[in-house]
Amino acid sequence: MTNKQQETSENIQNKEAENLEENLSGSTNEESTETQKDDSTSEEEKEPEVNREQELAKELENTKRRYLTALADYQNLQKRTAKVQAESRDRGVADFLKKLLPVIDTLDKAMEMCSKSEIDKKVMDGLEMFSIQFSDMLAKEGLKEIEAMGKKFDPNCQEAMMNQSIPDKEDDEVIQVFEKGYTFKDQVLRCAKVVVNKK
């Protein structure tokens, strides 16, 4: 082999080596570019997923808040409705009891007259039993007699019909009851009509 042939062979080998290096560097650049593209693509895909999760979390929180508000409103409505119903019932019962007060007065007078007159004991016992049962039934509904006799005069639940002066009684003490007074659940249905001692 001549020197010229050797040079030609070396030149060919050098060119092939250069081409190989270029190919290798080109493929490396392409791989790195593709890797960068893949990374940027995955980041772009992840970003919408994160945003979607945040939106869902906010929506869930808003839904929860609206639910709790609606539940509180419903419970308040239930309480108000129950209160209105109870007040309406109490007004109805109070009106009915007011109409019964003259009947109670008549029964009390009848019992008083029967105790002073000679009447069959069985009839008297029957009247007393009826009076007790009737009073118990009214008491369960909330009707209560105002205790006035011997108490200090109270203008909030008593009405002074007249004054008398009795030395051995306290000043402003109720010494006689003309007509009984009644309350219904701390509400005065009728004031007691009384005689008050004045010194």
N, C-alpha and C. Protein backbone atom coordinates (compact mmCIF):
# COMPACT_ATOMS: atom_id res chain seq x y z
N MET A 1 0.86 -1.20 0.00
CA MET A 1 0.00 0.00 0.00
C MET A 1 0.88 1.24 0.00
N THR A 2 0.56 2.17 -0.90
CA THR A 2 1.36 3.38 -1.04
C THR A 2 0.95 4.41 -0.01
N ASN A 3 1.77 5.44 0.10
CA ASN A 3 1.49 6.52 1.04
C ASN A 3 0.18 7.23 0.72
N LYS A 4 -0.10 7.36 -0.57
CA LYS A 4 -1.32 8.06 -0.99
C LYS A 4 -2.55 7.28 -0.59
N GLN A 5 -2.45 6.00 -0.78
CA GLN A 5 -3.58 5.15 -0.41
C GLN A 5 -3.80 5.20 1.10
N GLN A 6 -2.68 5.23 1.86
CA GLN A 6 -2.81 5.30 3.32
C GLN A 6 -3.49 6.61 3.73
N GLU A 7 -3.12 7.71 3.09
CA GLU A 7 -3.73 9.01 3.43
C GLU A 7 -5.22 8.99 3.12
N THR A 8 -5.55 8.42 1.97
CA THR A 8 -6.97 8.35 1.58
C THR A 8 -7.76 7.53 2.58
N SER A 9 -7.16 6.41 2.96
CA SER A 9 -7.84 5.54 3.94
C SER A 9 -8.02 6.26 5.28
N GLU A 10 -7.00 7.02 5.69
CA GLU A 10 -7.08 7.75 6.97
C GLU A 10 -8.14 8.85 6.89
N ASN A 11 -8.18 9.52 5.70
CA ASN A 11 -9.19 10.58 5.53
C ASN A 11 -10.61 10.01 5.64
N ILE A 12 -10.80 8.87 5.00
CA ILE A 12 -12.13 8.22 5.04
C ILE A 12 -12.50 7.86 6.47
N GLN A 13 -11.52 7.32 7.19
CA GLN A 13 -11.78 6.92 8.58
C GLN A 13 -12.11 8.15 9.45
N ASN A 14 -11.38 9.25 9.19
CA ASN A 14 -11.63 10.48 9.95
C ASN A 14 -13.03 11.03 9.69
N LYS A 15 -13.43 11.00 8.39
CA LYS A 15 -14.77 11.49 8.04
C LYS A 15 -15.86 10.64 8.68
N GLU A 16 -15.61 9.31 8.63
CA GLU A 16 -16.60 8.42 9.26
C GLU A 16 -16.70 8.68 10.75
N ALA A 17 -15.57 8.94 11.40
CA ALA A 17 -15.57 9.23 12.85
C ALA A 17 -16.31 10.53 13.12
N GLU A 18 -16.08 11.54 12.24
CA GLU A 18 -16.76 12.82 12.42
C GLU A 18 -18.27 12.66 12.25
N ASN A 19 -18.65 11.90 11.21
CA ASN A 19 -20.08 11.66 10.97
C ASN A 19 -20.73 10.94 12.16
N LEU A 20 -19.96 9.97 12.69
CA LEU A 20 -20.48 9.23 13.85
C LEU A 20 -20.68 10.14 15.03
N GLU A 21 -19.71 11.03 15.28
CA GLU A 21 -19.83 11.98 16.40
C GLU A 21 -21.02 12.91 16.22
N GLU A 22 -21.16 13.39 14.93
CA GLU A 22 -22.29 14.28 14.66
C GLU A 22 -23.63 13.57 14.90
N ASN A 23 -23.68 12.34 14.43
CA ASN A 23 -24.91 11.56 14.62
C ASN A 23 -25.21 11.37 16.11
N LEU A 24 -24.13 11.05 16.86
CA LEU A 24 -24.34 10.84 18.31
C LEU A 24 -24.79 12.12 19.00
N SER A 25 -24.13 13.22 18.69
CA SER A 25 -24.50 14.48 19.34
C SER A 25 -25.90 14.90 18.92
N GLY A 26 -26.25 14.65 17.65
CA GLY A 26 -27.59 15.00 17.17
C GLY A 26 -28.67 14.20 17.87
N SER A 27 -28.40 12.91 18.02
CA SER A 27 -29.40 12.07 18.70
C SER A 27 -29.53 12.46 20.17
N THR A 28 -28.38 12.82 20.77
CA THR A 28 -28.43 13.25 22.18
C THR A 28 -29.26 14.52 22.32
N ASN A 29 -29.03 15.47 21.36
CA ASN A 29 -29.81 16.73 21.39
C ASN A 29 -31.29 16.46 21.20
N GLU A 30 -31.59 15.56 20.26
CA GLU A 30 -32.99 15.23 20.01
C GLU A 30 -33.63 14.60 21.24
N GLU A 31 -32.84 13.69 21.89
CA GLU A 31 -33.39 13.04 23.10
C GLU A 31 -33.64 14.04 24.20
N SER A 32 -32.67 14.97 24.37
CA SER A 32 -32.86 15.97 25.43
C SER A 32 -34.04 16.87 25.11
N THR A 33 -34.19 17.21 23.79
CA THR A 33 -35.33 18.05 23.39
C THR A 33 -36.64 17.32 23.64
N GLU A 34 -36.66 16.03 23.28
CA GLU A 34 -37.88 15.24 23.51
C GLU A 34 -38.18 15.13 24.99
N THR A 35 -37.09 14.94 25.79
CA THR A 35 -37.28 14.86 27.25
C THR A 35 -37.87 16.14 27.79
N GLN A 36 -37.32 17.28 27.30
CA GLN A 36 -37.84 18.58 27.75
C GLN A 36 -39.31 18.74 27.36
N LYS A 37 -39.61 18.28 26.09
CA LYS A 37 -41.01 18.36 25.66
C LYS A 37 -41.91 17.52 26.56
N ASP A 38 -41.43 16.29 26.87
CA ASP A 38 -42.22 15.40 27.74
C ASP A 38 -42.43 16.03 29.11
N ASP A 39 -41.34 16.63 29.65
CA ASP A 39 -41.45 17.26 30.97
C ASP A 39 -42.44 18.41 30.95
N SER A 40 -42.32 19.25 29.90
CA SER A 40 -43.23 20.40 29.83
C SER A 40 -44.66 19.93 29.63
N THR A 41 -44.84 18.86 28.84
CA THR A 41 -46.19 18.32 28.61
C THR A 41 -46.79 17.77 29.90
N SER A 42 -45.97 17.04 30.68
CA SER A 42 -46.47 16.48 31.94
C SER A 42 -46.81 17.58 32.94
N GLU A 43 -46.00 18.66 32.94
CA GLU A 43 -46.30 19.79 33.83
C GLU A 43 -47.60 20.47 33.43
N GLU A 44 -47.79 20.62 32.08
CA GLU A 44 -49.02 21.23 31.61
C GLU A 44 -50.24 20.37 31.96
N GLU A 45 -50.05 19.05 31.90
CA GLU A 45 -51.15 18.15 32.25
C GLU A 45 -51.44 18.20 33.74
N LYS A 46 -50.38 18.31 34.56
CA LYS A 46 -50.56 18.33 36.01
C LYS A 46 -51.24 19.61 36.47
N GLU A 47 -50.93 20.72 35.80
CA GLU A 47 -51.47 22.02 36.22
C GLU A 47 -52.99 22.05 36.18
N PRO A 48 -53.64 21.62 35.09
CA PRO A 48 -55.11 21.60 35.08
C PRO A 48 -55.70 20.68 36.14
N GLU A 49 -55.01 19.55 36.40
CA GLU A 49 -55.50 18.63 37.42
C GLU A 49 -55.51 19.29 38.80
N VAL A 50 -54.46 20.03 39.12
CA VAL A 50 -54.37 20.74 40.41
C VAL A 50 -55.48 21.80 40.51
N ASN A 51 -55.66 22.56 39.41
CA ASN A 51 -56.70 23.58 39.39
C ASN A 51 -58.08 22.97 39.57
N ARG A 52 -58.30 21.83 38.92
CA ARG A 52 -59.61 21.15 39.02
C ARG A 52 -59.87 20.69 40.46
N GLU A 53 -58.82 20.17 41.10
CA GLU A 53 -58.97 19.73 42.49
C GLU A 53 -59.31 20.90 43.41
N GLN A 54 -58.66 22.04 43.19
CA GLN A 54 -58.95 23.23 43.99
C GLN A 54 -60.39 23.71 43.78
N GLU A 55 -60.83 23.69 42.52
CA GLU A 55 -62.21 24.10 42.22
C GLU A 55 -63.21 23.17 42.91
N LEU A 56 -62.94 21.86 42.85
CA LEU A 56 -63.84 20.89 43.49
C LEU A 56 -63.87 21.09 45.01
N ALA A 57 -62.70 21.38 45.58
CA ALA A 57 -62.63 21.60 47.04
C ALA A 57 -63.44 22.84 47.43
N LYS A 58 -63.32 23.91 46.63
CA LYS A 58 -64.09 25.13 46.91
C LYS A 58 -65.59 24.87 46.77
N GLU A 59 -65.94 24.14 45.72
CA GLU A 59 -67.36 23.83 45.49
C GLU A 59 -67.93 23.00 46.62
N LEU A 60 -67.13 22.03 47.10
CA LEU A 60 -67.56 21.21 48.23
C LEU A 60 -67.76 22.05 49.49
N GLU A 61 -66.83 22.97 49.73
CA GLU A 61 -66.92 23.84 50.90
C GLU A 61 -68.16 24.74 50.82
N ASN A 62 -68.42 25.28 49.64
CA ASN A 62 -69.61 26.13 49.45
C ASN A 62 -70.89 25.33 49.64
N THR A 63 -70.92 24.11 49.12
CA THR A 63 -72.09 23.25 49.27
C THR A 63 -72.33 22.92 50.74
N LYS A 64 -71.24 22.62 51.45
CA LYS A 64 -71.34 22.30 52.88
C LYS A 64 -71.88 23.50 53.66
N ARG A 65 -71.37 24.70 53.33
CA ARG A 65 -71.82 25.91 54.02
C ARG A 65 -73.30 26.18 53.75
N ARG A 66 -73.72 26.00 52.48
CA ARG A 66 -75.14 26.21 52.14
C ARG A 66 -76.02 25.20 52.85
N TYR A 67 -75.53 23.96 52.96
CA TYR A 67 -76.31 22.92 53.65
C TYR A 67 -76.48 23.26 55.13
N LEU A 68 -75.40 23.68 55.78
CA LEU A 68 -75.47 24.02 57.20
C LEU A 68 -76.38 25.22 57.43
N THR A 69 -76.33 26.21 56.53
CA THR A 69 -77.21 27.37 56.64
C THR A 69 -78.67 26.97 56.50
N ALA A 70 -78.94 26.12 55.49
CA ALA A 70 -80.32 25.66 55.27
C ALA A 70 -80.81 24.83 56.46
N LEU A 71 -79.93 24.00 57.02
CA LEU A 71 -80.31 23.19 58.18
C LEU A 71 -80.63 24.07 59.39
N ALA A 72 -79.81 25.10 59.63
CA ALA A 72 -80.05 26.01 60.75
C ALA A 72 -81.37 26.76 60.55
N ASP A 73 -81.64 27.20 59.32
CA ASP A 73 -82.90 27.90 59.02
C ASP A 73 -84.09 26.99 59.27
N TYR A 74 -83.97 25.73 58.86
CA TYR A 74 -85.06 24.77 59.05
C TYR A 74 -85.32 24.50 60.52
N GLN A 75 -84.24 24.34 61.30
CA GLN A 75 -84.40 24.11 62.74
C GLN A 75 -85.03 25.32 63.43
N ASN A 76 -84.62 26.53 63.02
CA ASN A 76 -85.22 27.74 63.59
C ASN A 76 -86.69 27.84 63.23
N LEU A 77 -87.04 27.45 62.00
CA LEU A 77 -88.44 27.46 61.57
C LEU A 77 -89.26 26.48 62.39
N GLN A 78 -88.68 25.30 62.65
CA GLN A 78 -89.38 24.32 63.48
C GLN A 78 -89.65 24.86 64.88
N LYS A 79 -88.63 25.52 65.47
CA LYS A 79 -88.78 26.07 66.82
C LYS A 79 -89.85 27.17 66.83
N ARG A 80 -89.78 28.07 65.84
CA ARG A 80 -90.77 29.15 65.77
C ARG A 80 -92.18 28.60 65.60
N THR A 81 -92.31 27.59 64.73
CA THR A 81 -93.62 26.99 64.48
C THR A 81 -94.16 26.33 65.75
N ALA A 82 -93.30 25.60 66.45
CA ALA A 82 -93.72 24.95 67.70
C ALA A 82 -94.13 25.99 68.74
N LYS A 83 -93.37 27.09 68.81
CA LYS A 83 -93.70 28.15 69.77
C LYS A 83 -95.04 28.80 69.44
N VAL A 84 -95.27 29.08 68.15
CA VAL A 84 -96.53 29.69 67.73
C VAL A 84 -97.70 28.75 68.02
N GLN A 85 -97.50 27.46 67.75
CA GLN A 85 -98.56 26.48 68.01
C GLN A 85 -98.88 26.41 69.50
N ALA A 86 -97.82 26.39 70.34
CA ALA A 86 -98.03 26.33 71.80
C ALA A 86 -98.76 27.58 72.30
N GLU A 87 -98.35 28.75 71.77
CA GLU A 87 -99.01 30.00 72.19
C GLU A 87 -100.48 30.02 71.75
N SER A 88 -100.75 29.53 70.55
CA SER A 88 -102.13 29.48 70.05
C SER A 88 -102.97 28.55 70.90
N ARG A 89 -102.38 27.40 71.25
CA ARG A 89 -103.11 26.45 72.10
C ARG A 89 -103.40 27.06 73.46
N ASP A 90 -102.40 27.74 74.05
CA ASP A 90 -102.59 28.35 75.36
C ASP A 90 -103.67 29.43 75.32
N ARG A 91 -103.70 30.21 74.25
CA ARG A 91 -104.75 31.25 74.13
C ARG A 91 -106.13 30.61 74.05
N GLY A 92 -106.22 29.50 73.30
CA GLY A 92 -107.50 28.80 73.18
C GLY A 92 -107.95 28.24 74.53
N VAL A 93 -107.01 27.63 75.25
CA VAL A 93 -107.35 27.06 76.57
C VAL A 93 -107.73 28.17 77.55
N ALA A 94 -106.99 29.29 77.51
CA ALA A 94 -107.28 30.41 78.40
C ALA A 94 -108.68 30.97 78.15
N ASP A 95 -109.03 31.11 76.87
CA ASP A 95 -110.38 31.61 76.54
C ASP A 95 -111.46 30.65 77.03
N PHE A 96 -111.21 29.36 76.88
CA PHE A 96 -112.19 28.37 77.34
C PHE A 96 -112.33 28.40 78.86
N LEU A 97 -111.21 28.51 79.56
CA LEU A 97 -111.25 28.53 81.02
C LEU A 97 -111.96 29.78 81.54
N LYS A 98 -111.79 30.91 80.84
CA LYS A 98 -112.50 32.13 81.25
C LYS A 98 -114.01 31.91 81.21
N LYS A 99 -114.47 31.18 80.19
CA LYS A 99 -115.90 30.89 80.08
C LYS A 99 -116.37 29.93 81.16
N LEU A 100 -115.44 29.14 81.69
CA LEU A 100 -115.81 28.17 82.74
C LEU A 100 -115.85 28.80 84.14
N LEU A 101 -115.23 29.96 84.32
CA LEU A 101 -115.15 30.55 85.66
C LEU A 101 -116.51 30.77 86.30
N PRO A 102 -117.54 31.28 85.59
CA PRO A 102 -118.87 31.40 86.23
C PRO A 102 -119.44 30.05 86.67
N VAL A 103 -119.13 28.99 85.90
CA VAL A 103 -119.59 27.65 86.27
C VAL A 103 -118.92 27.22 87.57
N ILE A 104 -117.62 27.51 87.69
CA ILE A 104 -116.90 27.17 88.92
C ILE A 104 -117.47 27.94 90.11
N ASP A 105 -117.79 29.22 89.89
CA ASP A 105 -118.39 30.04 90.97
C ASP A 105 -119.72 29.44 91.42
N THR A 106 -120.53 29.04 90.47
CA THR A 106 -121.83 28.44 90.79
C THR A 106 -121.66 27.15 91.57
N LEU A 107 -120.70 26.34 91.16
CA LEU A 107 -120.45 25.07 91.86
C LEU A 107 -119.99 25.34 93.29
N ASP A 108 -119.12 26.34 93.47
CA ASP A 108 -118.64 26.68 94.82
C ASP A 108 -119.80 27.15 95.72
N LYS A 109 -120.67 27.97 95.16
CA LYS A 109 -121.82 28.45 95.95
C LYS A 109 -122.77 27.31 96.29
N ALA A 110 -122.95 26.39 95.33
CA ALA A 110 -123.82 25.24 95.58
C ALA A 110 -123.25 24.37 96.69
N MET A 111 -121.92 24.17 96.67
CA MET A 111 -121.28 23.38 97.72
C MET A 111 -121.42 24.07 99.08
N GLU A 112 -121.30 25.39 99.08
CA GLU A 112 -121.42 26.14 100.33
C GLU A 112 -122.84 26.06 100.89
N MET A 113 -123.82 26.18 100.01
CA MET A 113 -125.22 26.11 100.44
C MET A 113 -125.57 24.72 100.94
N CYS A 114 -125.04 23.69 100.25
CA CYS A 114 -125.33 22.31 100.65
C CYS A 114 -124.73 22.00 102.02
N SER A 115 -123.57 22.56 102.31
CA SER A 115 -122.93 22.29 103.61
C SER A 115 -123.70 22.93 104.76
N LYS A 116 -124.45 24.03 104.47
CA LYS A 116 -125.20 24.72 105.52
C LYS A 116 -126.60 24.14 105.70
N SER A 117 -127.10 23.46 104.72
CA SER A 117 -128.46 22.90 104.80
C SER A 117 -128.40 21.40 105.06
N GLU A 118 -129.55 20.88 105.48
CA GLU A 118 -129.62 19.44 105.73
C GLU A 118 -129.91 18.74 104.40
N ILE A 119 -128.91 18.02 103.94
CA ILE A 119 -129.03 17.33 102.66
C ILE A 119 -128.51 15.91 102.83
N ASP A 120 -129.02 15.02 102.01
CA ASP A 120 -128.61 13.62 102.09
C ASP A 120 -127.08 13.51 101.96
N LYS A 121 -126.47 12.69 102.83
CA LYS A 121 -125.01 12.58 102.84
C LYS A 121 -124.46 12.02 101.52
N LYS A 122 -125.19 11.09 100.92
CA LYS A 122 -124.72 10.51 99.65
C LYS A 122 -124.68 11.56 98.55
N VAL A 123 -125.71 12.42 98.55
CA VAL A 123 -125.74 13.49 97.55
C VAL A 123 -124.58 14.45 97.79
N MET A 124 -124.34 14.78 99.05
CA MET A 124 -123.23 15.69 99.40
C MET A 124 -121.89 15.10 99.02
N ASP A 125 -121.71 13.81 99.31
CA ASP A 125 -120.46 13.14 98.94
C ASP A 125 -120.26 13.12 97.43
N GLY A 126 -121.36 12.92 96.70
CA GLY A 126 -121.27 12.91 95.23
C GLY A 126 -120.88 14.28 94.69
N LEU A 127 -121.47 15.34 95.27
CA LEU A 127 -121.12 16.70 94.85
C LEU A 127 -119.66 17.03 95.16
N GLU A 128 -119.22 16.62 96.33
CA GLU A 128 -117.82 16.86 96.71
C GLU A 128 -116.86 16.12 95.77
N MET A 129 -117.21 14.87 95.44
CA MET A 129 -116.36 14.09 94.53
C MET A 129 -116.29 14.76 93.16
N PHE A 130 -117.45 15.22 92.69
CA PHE A 130 -117.48 15.90 91.39
C PHE A 130 -116.63 17.18 91.43
N SER A 131 -116.78 17.96 92.50
CA SER A 131 -116.03 19.21 92.64
C SER A 131 -114.53 18.96 92.66
N ILE A 132 -114.10 17.90 93.38
CA ILE A 132 -112.67 17.58 93.46
C ILE A 132 -112.12 17.17 92.09
N GLN A 133 -112.85 16.29 91.40
CA GLN A 133 -112.40 15.83 90.09
C GLN A 133 -112.35 16.98 89.08
N PHE A 134 -113.37 17.83 89.14
CA PHE A 134 -113.44 18.97 88.22
C PHE A 134 -112.26 19.92 88.47
N SER A 135 -111.99 20.19 89.75
CA SER A 135 -110.88 21.09 90.10
C SER A 135 -109.53 20.50 89.69
N ASP A 136 -109.37 19.19 89.89
CA ASP A 136 -108.11 18.54 89.50
C ASP A 136 -107.89 18.60 87.99
N MET A 137 -108.96 18.41 87.24
CA MET A 137 -108.86 18.44 85.78
C MET A 137 -108.45 19.84 85.31
N LEU A 138 -109.05 20.88 85.91
CA LEU A 138 -108.71 22.25 85.55
C LEU A 138 -107.28 22.61 85.97
N ALA A 139 -106.86 22.10 87.13
CA ALA A 139 -105.50 22.35 87.61
C ALA A 139 -104.47 21.73 86.66
N LYS A 140 -104.77 20.55 86.11
CA LYS A 140 -103.85 19.91 85.16
C LYS A 140 -103.72 20.73 83.88
N GLU A 141 -104.77 21.45 83.53
CA GLU A 141 -104.74 22.30 82.34
C GLU A 141 -104.02 23.63 82.60
N GLY A 142 -103.69 23.89 83.89
CA GLY A 142 -102.95 25.10 84.21
C GLY A 142 -103.72 26.16 84.98
N LEU A 143 -104.99 25.87 85.30
CA LEU A 143 -105.79 26.84 86.06
C LEU A 143 -105.42 26.76 87.54
N LYS A 144 -105.21 27.92 88.15
CA LYS A 144 -104.80 27.96 89.55
C LYS A 144 -105.54 29.09 90.26
N GLU A 145 -106.05 28.76 91.45
CA GLU A 145 -106.77 29.77 92.24
C GLU A 145 -105.76 30.72 92.89
N ILE A 146 -106.08 32.01 92.88
CA ILE A 146 -105.23 33.00 93.53
C ILE A 146 -105.52 32.98 95.03
N GLU A 147 -104.50 32.68 95.80
CA GLU A 147 -104.67 32.66 97.26
C GLU A 147 -104.68 34.10 97.77
N ALA A 148 -105.82 34.51 98.29
CA ALA A 148 -105.98 35.90 98.70
C ALA A 148 -106.24 36.05 100.20
N MET A 149 -107.07 35.18 100.75
CA MET A 149 -107.49 35.31 102.15
C MET A 149 -106.28 35.28 103.10
N GLY A 150 -106.15 36.34 103.93
CA GLY A 150 -105.06 36.41 104.90
C GLY A 150 -103.74 36.87 104.31
N LYS A 151 -103.69 37.12 103.00
CA LYS A 151 -102.46 37.56 102.35
C LYS A 151 -102.45 39.09 102.24
N LYS A 152 -101.28 39.63 102.00
CA LYS A 152 -101.17 41.08 101.77
C LYS A 152 -101.78 41.42 100.41
N PHE A 153 -102.48 42.51 100.37
CA PHE A 153 -103.16 42.93 99.15
C PHE A 153 -102.16 43.14 98.02
N ASP A 154 -102.48 42.53 96.84
CA ASP A 154 -101.62 42.64 95.66
C ASP A 154 -102.48 43.19 94.51
N PRO A 155 -102.26 44.44 94.12
CA PRO A 155 -103.09 45.03 93.08
C PRO A 155 -102.92 44.39 91.70
N ASN A 156 -101.86 43.59 91.53
CA ASN A 156 -101.64 42.93 90.24
C ASN A 156 -102.62 41.79 89.98
N CYS A 157 -103.10 41.18 91.07
CA CYS A 157 -104.02 40.05 90.89
C CYS A 157 -105.25 40.13 91.80
N GLN A 158 -105.41 41.27 92.48
CA GLN A 158 -106.57 41.43 93.37
C GLN A 158 -107.21 42.80 93.15
N GLU A 159 -108.51 42.82 93.35
CA GLU A 159 -109.27 44.06 93.20
C GLU A 159 -109.97 44.37 94.52
N ALA A 160 -109.65 45.52 95.11
CA ALA A 160 -110.24 45.89 96.41
C ALA A 160 -111.64 46.46 96.18
N MET A 161 -112.62 45.76 96.70
CA MET A 161 -114.01 46.22 96.56
C MET A 161 -114.36 47.23 97.65
N MET A 162 -113.77 47.07 98.83
CA MET A 162 -114.01 47.99 99.95
C MET A 162 -112.92 47.80 100.99
N ASN A 163 -112.84 48.77 101.93
CA ASN A 163 -111.88 48.70 103.03
C ASN A 163 -112.63 48.61 104.35
N GLN A 164 -112.03 47.90 105.28
CA GLN A 164 -112.54 47.82 106.65
C GLN A 164 -111.37 47.99 107.59
N SER A 165 -111.69 48.33 108.83
CA SER A 165 -110.64 48.50 109.82
C SER A 165 -110.85 47.52 110.96
N ILE A 166 -109.95 46.57 111.06
CA ILE A 166 -109.97 45.57 112.14
C ILE A 166 -108.64 45.66 112.86
N PRO A 167 -108.66 46.01 114.15
CA PRO A 167 -107.40 46.27 114.88
C PRO A 167 -106.44 45.09 114.94
N ASP A 168 -106.97 43.87 115.06
CA ASP A 168 -106.06 42.73 115.24
C ASP A 168 -105.57 42.14 113.90
N LYS A 169 -105.88 42.81 112.80
CA LYS A 169 -105.39 42.36 111.49
C LYS A 169 -104.31 43.33 110.99
N GLU A 170 -103.45 42.81 110.13
CA GLU A 170 -102.37 43.63 109.57
C GLU A 170 -102.94 44.65 108.57
N ASP A 171 -102.20 45.73 108.41
CA ASP A 171 -102.60 46.73 107.42
C ASP A 171 -102.43 46.15 106.02
N ASP A 172 -103.39 46.40 105.14
CA ASP A 172 -103.41 45.89 103.76
C ASP A 172 -103.59 44.38 103.68
N GLU A 173 -104.09 43.78 104.74
CA GLU A 173 -104.36 42.33 104.72
C GLU A 173 -105.76 42.09 104.16
N VAL A 174 -105.87 41.06 103.33
CA VAL A 174 -107.17 40.68 102.78
C VAL A 174 -107.96 39.95 103.87
N ILE A 175 -109.13 40.50 104.21
CA ILE A 175 -109.92 39.90 105.30
C ILE A 175 -111.20 39.22 104.80
N GLN A 176 -111.52 39.40 103.52
CA GLN A 176 -112.69 38.73 102.96
C GLN A 176 -112.55 38.64 101.43
N VAL A 177 -113.06 37.52 100.87
CA VAL A 177 -113.01 37.33 99.41
C VAL A 177 -114.44 37.26 98.89
N PHE A 178 -114.79 38.23 98.05
CA PHE A 178 -116.11 38.23 97.42
C PHE A 178 -116.18 37.26 96.25
N GLU A 179 -115.13 37.28 95.46
CA GLU A 179 -115.09 36.43 94.26
C GLU A 179 -113.66 35.94 94.06
N LYS A 180 -113.50 34.65 93.87
CA LYS A 180 -112.17 34.06 93.70
C LYS A 180 -111.52 34.53 92.40
N GLY A 181 -110.20 34.66 92.46
CA GLY A 181 -109.43 34.99 91.26
C GLY A 181 -108.66 33.77 90.78
N TYR A 182 -108.33 33.76 89.49
CA TYR A 182 -107.65 32.60 88.91
C TYR A 182 -106.54 33.06 87.94
N THR A 183 -105.52 32.21 87.85
CA THR A 183 -104.44 32.43 86.88
C THR A 183 -104.32 31.19 85.99
N PHE A 184 -103.78 31.42 84.81
CA PHE A 184 -103.49 30.32 83.88
C PHE A 184 -102.05 30.48 83.41
N LYS A 185 -101.20 29.58 83.88
CA LYS A 185 -99.77 29.63 83.52
C LYS A 185 -99.19 31.02 83.78
N ASP A 186 -99.39 31.51 84.99
CA ASP A 186 -98.87 32.81 85.45
C ASP A 186 -99.54 34.01 84.77
N GLN A 187 -100.58 33.76 84.01
CA GLN A 187 -101.35 34.85 83.40
C GLN A 187 -102.65 35.01 84.18
N VAL A 188 -102.95 36.23 84.62
CA VAL A 188 -104.16 36.46 85.41
C VAL A 188 -105.37 36.41 84.49
N LEU A 189 -106.25 35.42 84.77
CA LEU A 189 -107.50 35.33 84.01
C LEU A 189 -108.58 36.24 84.61
N ARG A 190 -108.59 36.27 85.94
CA ARG A 190 -109.56 37.12 86.64
C ARG A 190 -108.99 37.49 88.01
N CYS A 191 -109.07 38.78 88.31
CA CYS A 191 -108.58 39.23 89.62
C CYS A 191 -109.55 38.80 90.72
N ALA A 192 -108.99 38.55 91.89
CA ALA A 192 -109.84 38.23 93.05
C ALA A 192 -110.45 39.52 93.59
N LYS A 193 -111.76 39.50 93.88
CA LYS A 193 -112.45 40.66 94.44
C LYS A 193 -112.47 40.50 95.96
N VAL A 194 -111.83 41.46 96.64
CA VAL A 194 -111.57 41.27 98.07
C VAL A 194 -111.90 42.52 98.89
N VAL A 195 -111.95 42.28 100.23
CA VAL A 195 -112.05 43.37 101.21
C VAL A 195 -110.69 43.49 101.88
N VAL A 196 -110.20 44.74 101.98
CA VAL A 196 -108.84 44.97 102.49
C VAL A 196 -108.92 45.71 103.84
N ASN A 197 -108.08 45.27 104.77
CA ASN A 197 -108.03 45.92 106.09
C ASN A 197 -107.17 47.18 106.01
N LYS A 198 -107.70 48.27 106.54
CA LYS A 198 -106.97 49.54 106.58
C LYS A 198 -107.03 50.09 108.00
N LYS A 199 -105.87 50.37 108.56
CA LYS A 199 -105.82 50.90 109.91
C LYS A 199 -105.80 52.42 109.90
